[in-house]
Full PDB file with SEQRES, HELIX, SHEET, SSBOND, CRYST1, ORIGX, SCALE, CONECT and MASTER records, all heavy atoms in Angstrom:
SEQRES   1 A   33  GLY VAL VAL ASP PHE SER LYS THR PRO PRO VAL ARG LYS          
SEQRES   2 A   33  ALA PRO GLY PRO GLU ASP GLU GLY GLY ARG GLY LEU ALA          
SEQRES   3 A   33  LEU VAL THR GLU LEU ALA GLU                                  
HELIX    1 AA1 GLY A   24  LEU A   31  1                                   8    
CRYST1    1.000    1.000    1.000  90.00  90.00  90.00 P 1           1          
ORIGX1      1.000000  0.000000  0.000000        0.00000                         
ORIGX2      0.000000  1.000000  0.000000        0.00000                         
ORIGX3      0.000000  0.000000  1.000000        0.00000                         
SCALE1      1.000000  0.000000  0.000000        0.00000                         
SCALE2      0.000000  1.000000  0.000000        0.00000                         
SCALE3      0.000000  0.000000  1.000000        0.00000                         
ATOM      1  N   GLY A   1       7.660  -0.871 -97.154  1.00  0.00           N  
ATOM      2  CA  GLY A   1       7.062   0.087 -96.239  1.00  0.00           C  
ATOM      3  C   GLY A   1       5.596  -0.198 -96.000  1.00  0.00           C  
ATOM      4  O   GLY A   1       4.912  -0.757 -96.865  1.00  0.00           O  
ATOM      5  N   VAL A   2       5.136   0.175 -94.819  1.00  0.00           N  
ATOM      6  CA  VAL A   2       3.719   0.120 -94.499  1.00  0.00           C  
ATOM      7  C   VAL A   2       3.325   1.506 -94.023  1.00  0.00           C  
ATOM      8  O   VAL A   2       3.929   2.050 -93.093  1.00  0.00           O  
ATOM      9  CB  VAL A   2       3.401  -0.951 -93.437  1.00  0.00           C  
ATOM     10  CG1 VAL A   2       1.933  -0.881 -93.030  1.00  0.00           C  
ATOM     11  CG2 VAL A   2       3.737  -2.339 -93.978  1.00  0.00           C  
ATOM     12  N   VAL A   3       2.331   2.080 -94.688  1.00  0.00           N  
ATOM     13  CA  VAL A   3       1.838   3.417 -94.374  1.00  0.00           C  
ATOM     14  C   VAL A   3       0.528   3.264 -93.616  1.00  0.00           C  
ATOM     15  O   VAL A   3      -0.348   2.503 -94.032  1.00  0.00           O  
ATOM     16  CB  VAL A   3       1.629   4.242 -95.664  1.00  0.00           C  
ATOM     17  CG1 VAL A   3       1.071   5.617 -95.351  1.00  0.00           C  
ATOM     18  CG2 VAL A   3       2.935   4.337 -96.446  1.00  0.00           C  
ATOM     19  N   ASP A   4       0.433   3.989 -92.499  1.00  0.00           N  
ATOM     20  CA  ASP A   4      -0.818   3.961 -91.741  1.00  0.00           C  
ATOM     21  C   ASP A   4      -1.156   5.374 -91.281  1.00  0.00           C  
ATOM     22  O   ASP A   4      -0.418   6.310 -91.532  1.00  0.00           O  
ATOM     23  CB  ASP A   4      -0.753   2.974 -90.573  1.00  0.00           C  
ATOM     24  CG  ASP A   4       0.269   3.349 -89.519  1.00  0.00           C  
ATOM     25  OD1 ASP A   4       0.328   4.532 -89.108  1.00  0.00           O  
ATOM     26  OD2 ASP A   4       1.002   2.457 -89.070  1.00  0.00           O  
ATOM     27  N   PHE A   5      -2.269   5.527 -90.629  1.00  0.00           N  
ATOM     28  CA  PHE A   5      -2.772   6.838 -90.242  1.00  0.00           C  
ATOM     29  C   PHE A   5      -2.497   7.182 -88.785  1.00  0.00           C  
ATOM     30  O   PHE A   5      -3.168   8.030 -88.221  1.00  0.00           O  
ATOM     31  CB  PHE A   5      -4.272   6.930 -90.538  1.00  0.00           C  
ATOM     32  CG  PHE A   5      -4.563   6.979 -92.004  1.00  0.00           C  
ATOM     33  CD1 PHE A   5      -4.837   5.828 -92.710  1.00  0.00           C  
ATOM     34  CD2 PHE A   5      -4.539   8.179 -92.689  1.00  0.00           C  
ATOM     35  CE1 PHE A   5      -5.099   5.866 -94.072  1.00  0.00           C  
ATOM     36  CE2 PHE A   5      -4.790   8.240 -94.035  1.00  0.00           C  
ATOM     37  CZ  PHE A   5      -5.076   7.073 -94.734  1.00  0.00           C  
ATOM     38  N   SER A   6      -1.519   6.541 -88.175  1.00  0.00           N  
ATOM     39  CA  SER A   6      -1.109   6.893 -86.819  1.00  0.00           C  
ATOM     40  C   SER A   6       0.198   7.669 -86.904  1.00  0.00           C  
ATOM     41  O   SER A   6       1.109   7.275 -87.625  1.00  0.00           O  
ATOM     42  CB  SER A   6      -0.896   5.625 -85.982  1.00  0.00           C  
ATOM     43  OG  SER A   6      -0.274   5.950 -84.762  1.00  0.00           O  
ATOM     44  N   LYS A   7       0.295   8.757 -86.156  1.00  0.00           N  
ATOM     45  CA  LYS A   7       1.533   9.535 -86.140  1.00  0.00           C  
ATOM     46  C   LYS A   7       2.516   9.034 -85.092  1.00  0.00           C  
ATOM     47  O   LYS A   7       3.644   9.500 -85.022  1.00  0.00           O  
ATOM     48  CB  LYS A   7       1.217  11.007 -85.907  1.00  0.00           C  
ATOM     49  CG  LYS A   7       0.520  11.634 -87.086  1.00  0.00           C  
ATOM     50  CD  LYS A   7       0.408  13.125 -86.915  1.00  0.00           C  
ATOM     51  CE  LYS A   7      -0.211  13.703 -88.158  1.00  0.00           C  
ATOM     52  NZ  LYS A   7       0.471  14.883 -88.623  1.00  0.00           N  
ATOM     53  N   THR A   8       2.124   8.061 -84.285  1.00  0.00           N  
ATOM     54  CA  THR A   8       2.992   7.547 -83.233  1.00  0.00           C  
ATOM     55  C   THR A   8       4.068   6.655 -83.845  1.00  0.00           C  
ATOM     56  O   THR A   8       3.752   5.654 -84.494  1.00  0.00           O  
ATOM     57  CB  THR A   8       2.170   6.740 -82.210  1.00  0.00           C  
ATOM     58  OG1 THR A   8       1.120   7.560 -81.720  1.00  0.00           O  
ATOM     59  CG2 THR A   8       3.041   6.265 -81.057  1.00  0.00           C  
ATOM     60  N   PRO A   9       5.344   6.999 -83.645  1.00  0.00           N  
ATOM     61  CA  PRO A   9       6.409   6.180 -84.236  1.00  0.00           C  
ATOM     62  C   PRO A   9       6.534   4.837 -83.515  1.00  0.00           C  
ATOM     63  O   PRO A   9       6.186   4.718 -82.338  1.00  0.00           O  
ATOM     64  CB  PRO A   9       7.671   7.030 -84.037  1.00  0.00           C  
ATOM     65  CG  PRO A   9       7.350   7.937 -82.914  1.00  0.00           C  
ATOM     66  CD  PRO A   9       5.867   8.163 -82.933  1.00  0.00           C  
ATOM     67  N   PRO A  10       7.028   3.827 -84.211  1.00  0.00           N  
ATOM     68  CA  PRO A  10       7.213   2.519 -83.580  1.00  0.00           C  
ATOM     69  C   PRO A  10       8.349   2.565 -82.562  1.00  0.00           C  
ATOM     70  O   PRO A  10       9.292   3.340 -82.696  1.00  0.00           O  
ATOM     71  CB  PRO A  10       7.561   1.603 -84.748  1.00  0.00           C  
ATOM     72  CG  PRO A  10       8.166   2.511 -85.760  1.00  0.00           C  
ATOM     73  CD  PRO A  10       7.478   3.832 -85.594  1.00  0.00           C  
ATOM     74  N   VAL A  11       8.237   1.724 -81.555  1.00  0.00           N  
ATOM     75  CA  VAL A  11       9.260   1.638 -80.515  1.00  0.00           C  
ATOM     76  C   VAL A  11       9.666   0.179 -80.383  1.00  0.00           C  
ATOM     77  O   VAL A  11       8.812  -0.690 -80.176  1.00  0.00           O  
ATOM     78  CB  VAL A  11       8.730   2.165 -79.166  1.00  0.00           C  
ATOM     79  CG1 VAL A  11       9.771   1.988 -78.073  1.00  0.00           C  
ATOM     80  CG2 VAL A  11       8.311   3.618 -79.290  1.00  0.00           C  
ATOM     81  N   ARG A  12      10.956  -0.068 -80.507  1.00  0.00           N  
ATOM     82  CA  ARG A  12      11.460  -1.425 -80.317  1.00  0.00           C  
ATOM     83  C   ARG A  12      11.471  -1.720 -78.830  1.00  0.00           C  
ATOM     84  O   ARG A  12      12.018  -0.961 -78.034  1.00  0.00           O  
ATOM     85  CB  ARG A  12      12.858  -1.555 -80.907  1.00  0.00           C  
ATOM     86  CG  ARG A  12      13.373  -2.949 -80.833  1.00  0.00           C  
ATOM     87  CD  ARG A  12      14.700  -3.097 -81.512  1.00  0.00           C  
ATOM     88  NE  ARG A  12      15.272  -4.346 -81.093  1.00  0.00           N  
ATOM     89  CZ  ARG A  12      16.544  -4.648 -81.186  1.00  0.00           C  
ATOM     90  NH1 ARG A  12      17.372  -3.781 -81.709  1.00  0.00           N  
ATOM     91  NH2 ARG A  12      16.980  -5.802 -80.781  1.00  0.00           N  
ATOM     92  N   LYS A  13      10.859  -2.834 -78.449  1.00  0.00           N  
ATOM     93  CA  LYS A  13      10.758  -3.209 -77.043  1.00  0.00           C  
ATOM     94  C   LYS A  13      11.711  -4.345 -76.719  1.00  0.00           C  
ATOM     95  O   LYS A  13      12.201  -5.036 -77.597  1.00  0.00           O  
ATOM     96  CB  LYS A  13       9.322  -3.633 -76.722  1.00  0.00           C  
ATOM     97  CG  LYS A  13       8.323  -2.524 -76.924  1.00  0.00           C  
ATOM     98  CD  LYS A  13       6.933  -2.992 -76.630  1.00  0.00           C  
ATOM     99  CE  LYS A  13       5.959  -1.841 -76.889  1.00  0.00           C  
ATOM    100  NZ  LYS A  13       4.587  -2.218 -76.693  1.00  0.00           N  
ATOM    101  N   ALA A  14      11.938  -4.533 -75.437  1.00  0.00           N  
ATOM    102  CA  ALA A  14      12.733  -5.654 -74.947  1.00  0.00           C  
ATOM    103  C   ALA A  14      11.799  -6.540 -74.125  1.00  0.00           C  
ATOM    104  O   ALA A  14      11.720  -6.408 -72.906  1.00  0.00           O  
ATOM    105  CB  ALA A  14      13.902  -5.157 -74.106  1.00  0.00           C  
ATOM    106  N   PRO A  15      11.060  -7.432 -74.799  1.00  0.00           N  
ATOM    107  CA  PRO A  15      10.087  -8.251 -74.076  1.00  0.00           C  
ATOM    108  C   PRO A  15      10.766  -9.298 -73.199  1.00  0.00           C  
ATOM    109  O   PRO A  15      11.872  -9.758 -73.497  1.00  0.00           O  
ATOM    110  CB  PRO A  15       9.292  -8.919 -75.196  1.00  0.00           C  
ATOM    111  CG  PRO A  15      10.240  -8.972 -76.336  1.00  0.00           C  
ATOM    112  CD  PRO A  15      11.098  -7.743 -76.217  1.00  0.00           C  
ATOM    113  N   GLY A  16      10.081  -9.649 -72.145  1.00  0.00           N  
ATOM    114  CA  GLY A  16      10.559 -10.707 -71.275  1.00  0.00           C  
ATOM    115  C   GLY A  16      10.204 -12.065 -71.845  1.00  0.00           C  
ATOM    116  O   GLY A  16       9.420 -12.172 -72.794  1.00  0.00           O  
ATOM    117  N   PRO A  17      10.740 -13.136 -71.273  1.00  0.00           N  
ATOM    118  CA  PRO A  17      10.489 -14.480 -71.796  1.00  0.00           C  
ATOM    119  C   PRO A  17       9.023 -14.901 -71.717  1.00  0.00           C  
ATOM    120  O   PRO A  17       8.584 -15.756 -72.481  1.00  0.00           O  
ATOM    121  CB  PRO A  17      11.365 -15.387 -70.946  1.00  0.00           C  
ATOM    122  CG  PRO A  17      11.815 -14.577 -69.792  1.00  0.00           C  
ATOM    123  CD  PRO A  17      11.652 -13.133 -70.148  1.00  0.00           C  
ATOM    124  N   GLU A  18       8.253 -14.310 -70.836  1.00  0.00           N  
ATOM    125  CA  GLU A  18       6.845 -14.668 -70.685  1.00  0.00           C  
ATOM    126  C   GLU A  18       5.917 -13.812 -71.547  1.00  0.00           C  
ATOM    127  O   GLU A  18       4.740 -14.129 -71.683  1.00  0.00           O  
ATOM    128  CB  GLU A  18       6.415 -14.541 -69.218  1.00  0.00           C  
ATOM    129  CG  GLU A  18       7.230 -15.402 -68.263  1.00  0.00           C  
ATOM    130  CD  GLU A  18       7.085 -16.892 -68.572  1.00  0.00           C  
ATOM    131  OE1 GLU A  18       5.951 -17.344 -68.837  1.00  0.00           O  
ATOM    132  OE2 GLU A  18       8.110 -17.586 -68.566  1.00  0.00           O  
ATOM    133  N   ASP A  19       6.432 -12.740 -72.135  1.00  0.00           N  
ATOM    134  CA  ASP A  19       5.605 -11.850 -72.950  1.00  0.00           C  
ATOM    135  C   ASP A  19       5.227 -12.524 -74.259  1.00  0.00           C  
ATOM    136  O   ASP A  19       6.048 -13.182 -74.898  1.00  0.00           O  
ATOM    137  CB  ASP A  19       6.345 -10.541 -73.246  1.00  0.00           C  
ATOM    138  CG  ASP A  19       6.563  -9.710 -71.999  1.00  0.00           C  
ATOM    139  OD1 ASP A  19       5.803  -9.888 -71.043  1.00  0.00           O  
ATOM    140  OD2 ASP A  19       7.505  -8.901 -71.998  1.00  0.00           O  
ATOM    141  N   GLU A  20       3.967 -12.334 -74.667  1.00  0.00           N  
ATOM    142  CA  GLU A  20       3.479 -12.939 -75.902  1.00  0.00           C  
ATOM    143  C   GLU A  20       3.807 -12.103 -77.136  1.00  0.00           C  
ATOM    144  O   GLU A  20       3.816 -12.614 -78.240  1.00  0.00           O  
ATOM    145  CB  GLU A  20       1.975 -13.150 -75.827  1.00  0.00           C  
ATOM    146  CG  GLU A  20       1.593 -14.232 -74.852  1.00  0.00           C  
ATOM    147  CD  GLU A  20       0.119 -14.538 -74.893  1.00  0.00           C  
ATOM    148  OE1 GLU A  20      -0.539 -14.222 -75.907  1.00  0.00           O  
ATOM    149  OE2 GLU A  20      -0.379 -15.085 -73.901  1.00  0.00           O  
ATOM    150  N   GLY A  21       4.048 -10.826 -76.979  1.00  0.00           N  
ATOM    151  CA  GLY A  21       4.327  -9.956 -78.112  1.00  0.00           C  
ATOM    152  C   GLY A  21       5.552  -9.111 -77.864  1.00  0.00           C  
ATOM    153  O   GLY A  21       6.287  -9.292 -76.900  1.00  0.00           O  
ATOM    154  N   GLY A  22       5.778  -8.157 -78.772  1.00  0.00           N  
ATOM    155  CA  GLY A  22       6.865  -7.212 -78.608  1.00  0.00           C  
ATOM    156  C   GLY A  22       8.168  -7.611 -79.264  1.00  0.00           C  
ATOM    157  O   GLY A  22       9.185  -6.959 -79.063  1.00  0.00           O  
ATOM    158  N   ARG A  23       8.159  -8.663 -80.055  1.00  0.00           N  
ATOM    159  CA  ARG A  23       9.395  -9.134 -80.683  1.00  0.00           C  
ATOM    160  C   ARG A  23       9.499  -8.777 -82.170  1.00  0.00           C  
ATOM    161  O   ARG A  23      10.505  -9.038 -82.804  1.00  0.00           O  
ATOM    162  CB  ARG A  23       9.509 -10.645 -80.524  1.00  0.00           C  
ATOM    163  CG  ARG A  23       9.736 -11.067 -79.100  1.00  0.00           C  
ATOM    164  CD  ARG A  23       9.751 -12.586 -78.944  1.00  0.00           C  
ATOM    165  NE  ARG A  23       9.992 -12.943 -77.564  1.00  0.00           N  
ATOM    166  CZ  ARG A  23       9.081 -12.928 -76.607  1.00  0.00           C  
ATOM    167  NH1 ARG A  23       7.849 -12.559 -76.888  1.00  0.00           N  
ATOM    168  NH2 ARG A  23       9.377 -13.258 -75.368  1.00  0.00           N  
ATOM    169  N   GLY A  24       8.453  -8.194 -82.734  1.00  0.00           N  
ATOM    170  CA  GLY A  24       8.405  -7.942 -84.173  1.00  0.00           C  
ATOM    171  C   GLY A  24       9.517  -7.052 -84.677  1.00  0.00           C  
ATOM    172  O   GLY A  24      10.188  -7.375 -85.659  1.00  0.00           O  
ATOM    173  N   LEU A  25       9.736  -5.916 -84.026  1.00  0.00           N  
ATOM    174  CA  LEU A  25      10.775  -5.001 -84.508  1.00  0.00           C  
ATOM    175  C   LEU A  25      12.176  -5.538 -84.240  1.00  0.00           C  
ATOM    176  O   LEU A  25      13.106  -5.225 -84.979  1.00  0.00           O  
ATOM    177  CB  LEU A  25      10.585  -3.613 -83.898  1.00  0.00           C  
ATOM    178  CG  LEU A  25       9.343  -2.880 -84.414  1.00  0.00           C  
ATOM    179  CD1 LEU A  25       9.197  -1.529 -83.730  1.00  0.00           C  
ATOM    180  CD2 LEU A  25       9.375  -2.713 -85.924  1.00  0.00           C  
ATOM    181  N   ALA A  26      12.333  -6.377 -83.216  1.00  0.00           N  
ATOM    182  CA  ALA A  26      13.626  -7.040 -83.004  1.00  0.00           C  
ATOM    183  C   ALA A  26      13.921  -7.976 -84.178  1.00  0.00           C  
ATOM    184  O   ALA A  26      15.056  -8.042 -84.672  1.00  0.00           O  
ATOM    185  CB  ALA A  26      13.629  -7.796 -81.687  1.00  0.00           C  
ATOM    186  N   LEU A  27      12.889  -8.668 -84.653  1.00  0.00           N  
ATOM    187  CA  LEU A  27      13.048  -9.547 -85.805  1.00  0.00           C  
ATOM    188  C   LEU A  27      13.365  -8.735 -87.061  1.00  0.00           C  
ATOM    189  O   LEU A  27      14.255  -9.103 -87.832  1.00  0.00           O  
ATOM    190  CB  LEU A  27      11.775 -10.371 -86.005  1.00  0.00           C  
ATOM    191  CG  LEU A  27      11.777 -11.346 -87.162  1.00  0.00           C  
ATOM    192  CD1 LEU A  27      12.870 -12.393 -86.986  1.00  0.00           C  
ATOM    193  CD2 LEU A  27      10.422 -12.006 -87.277  1.00  0.00           C  
ATOM    194  N   VAL A  28      12.666  -7.634 -87.250  1.00  0.00           N  
ATOM    195  CA  VAL A  28      12.934  -6.763 -88.395  1.00  0.00           C  
ATOM    196  C   VAL A  28      14.378  -6.271 -88.345  1.00  0.00           C  
ATOM    197  O   VAL A  28      15.086  -6.254 -89.360  1.00  0.00           O  
ATOM    198  CB  VAL A  28      11.937  -5.584 -88.446  1.00  0.00           C  
ATOM    199  CG1 VAL A  28      12.347  -4.552 -89.479  1.00  0.00           C  
ATOM    200  CG2 VAL A  28      10.522  -6.095 -88.721  1.00  0.00           C  
ATOM    201  N   THR A  29      14.866  -5.898 -87.160  1.00  0.00           N  
ATOM    202  CA  THR A  29      16.240  -5.434 -87.005  1.00  0.00           C  
ATOM    203  C   THR A  29      17.237  -6.506 -87.420  1.00  0.00           C  
ATOM    204  O   THR A  29      18.255  -6.211 -88.052  1.00  0.00           O  
ATOM    205  CB  THR A  29      16.496  -5.008 -85.540  1.00  0.00           C  
ATOM    206  OG1 THR A  29      15.597  -3.953 -85.210  1.00  0.00           O  
ATOM    207  CG2 THR A  29      17.920  -4.544 -85.331  1.00  0.00           C  
ATOM    208  N   GLU A  30      16.958  -7.748 -87.088  1.00  0.00           N  
ATOM    209  CA  GLU A  30      17.857  -8.848 -87.442  1.00  0.00           C  
ATOM    210  C   GLU A  30      17.866  -9.140 -88.940  1.00  0.00           C  
ATOM    211  O   GLU A  30      18.909  -9.473 -89.492  1.00  0.00           O  
ATOM    212  CB  GLU A  30      17.478 -10.116 -86.671  1.00  0.00           C  
ATOM    213  CG  GLU A  30      17.879 -10.085 -85.228  1.00  0.00           C  
ATOM    214  CD  GLU A  30      19.381  -9.918 -85.030  1.00  0.00           C  
ATOM    215  OE1 GLU A  30      20.167 -10.637 -85.695  1.00  0.00           O  
ATOM    216  OE2 GLU A  30      19.771  -9.045 -84.238  1.00  0.00           O  
ATOM    217  N   LEU A  31      16.735  -9.038 -89.585  1.00  0.00           N  
ATOM    218  CA  LEU A  31      16.630  -9.412 -90.998  1.00  0.00           C  
ATOM    219  C   LEU A  31      17.003  -8.290 -91.963  1.00  0.00           C  
ATOM    220  O   LEU A  31      17.517  -8.552 -93.046  1.00  0.00           O  
ATOM    221  CB  LEU A  31      15.207  -9.882 -91.311  1.00  0.00           C  
ATOM    222  CG  LEU A  31      14.767 -11.170 -90.628  1.00  0.00           C  
ATOM    223  CD1 LEU A  31      13.291 -11.438 -90.918  1.00  0.00           C  
ATOM    224  CD2 LEU A  31      15.624 -12.341 -91.068  1.00  0.00           C  
ATOM    225  N   ALA A  32      16.728  -7.057 -91.586  1.00  0.00           N  
ATOM    226  CA  ALA A  32      16.912  -5.918 -92.500  1.00  0.00           C  
ATOM    227  C   ALA A  32      18.283  -5.280 -92.315  1.00  0.00           C  
ATOM    228  O   ALA A  32      18.896  -5.369 -91.253  1.00  0.00           O  
ATOM    229  CB  ALA A  32      15.822  -4.882 -92.252  1.00  0.00           C  
ATOM    230  N   GLU A  33      18.742  -4.634 -93.367  1.00  0.00           N  
ATOM    231  CA  GLU A  33      19.971  -3.839 -93.267  1.00  0.00           C  
ATOM    232  C   GLU A  33      19.727  -2.580 -92.443  1.00  0.00           C  
ATOM    233  O   GLU A  33      20.633  -2.044 -91.841  1.00  0.00           O  
ATOM    234  CB  GLU A  33      20.469  -3.464 -94.661  1.00  0.00           C  
ATOM    235  CG  GLU A  33      20.982  -4.643 -95.448  1.00  0.00           C  
ATOM    236  CD  GLU A  33      22.196  -5.302 -94.822  1.00  0.00           C  
ATOM    237  OE1 GLU A  33      23.084  -4.592 -94.312  1.00  0.00           O  
ATOM    238  OE2 GLU A  33      22.265  -6.540 -94.852  1.00  0.00           O  
TER     239      GLU A  33                                                      
MASTER        0    0    0    1    0    0    0    6  238    1    0    3          
END                                                                             
């Protein structure tokens, strides 16, 4: 877990092929149960 001081929940995005970011939670979804 990572605890931070923002109350905004994370949102999994569907980045396009040209986007530089937005793939982190997709990777977490693939690796984690």
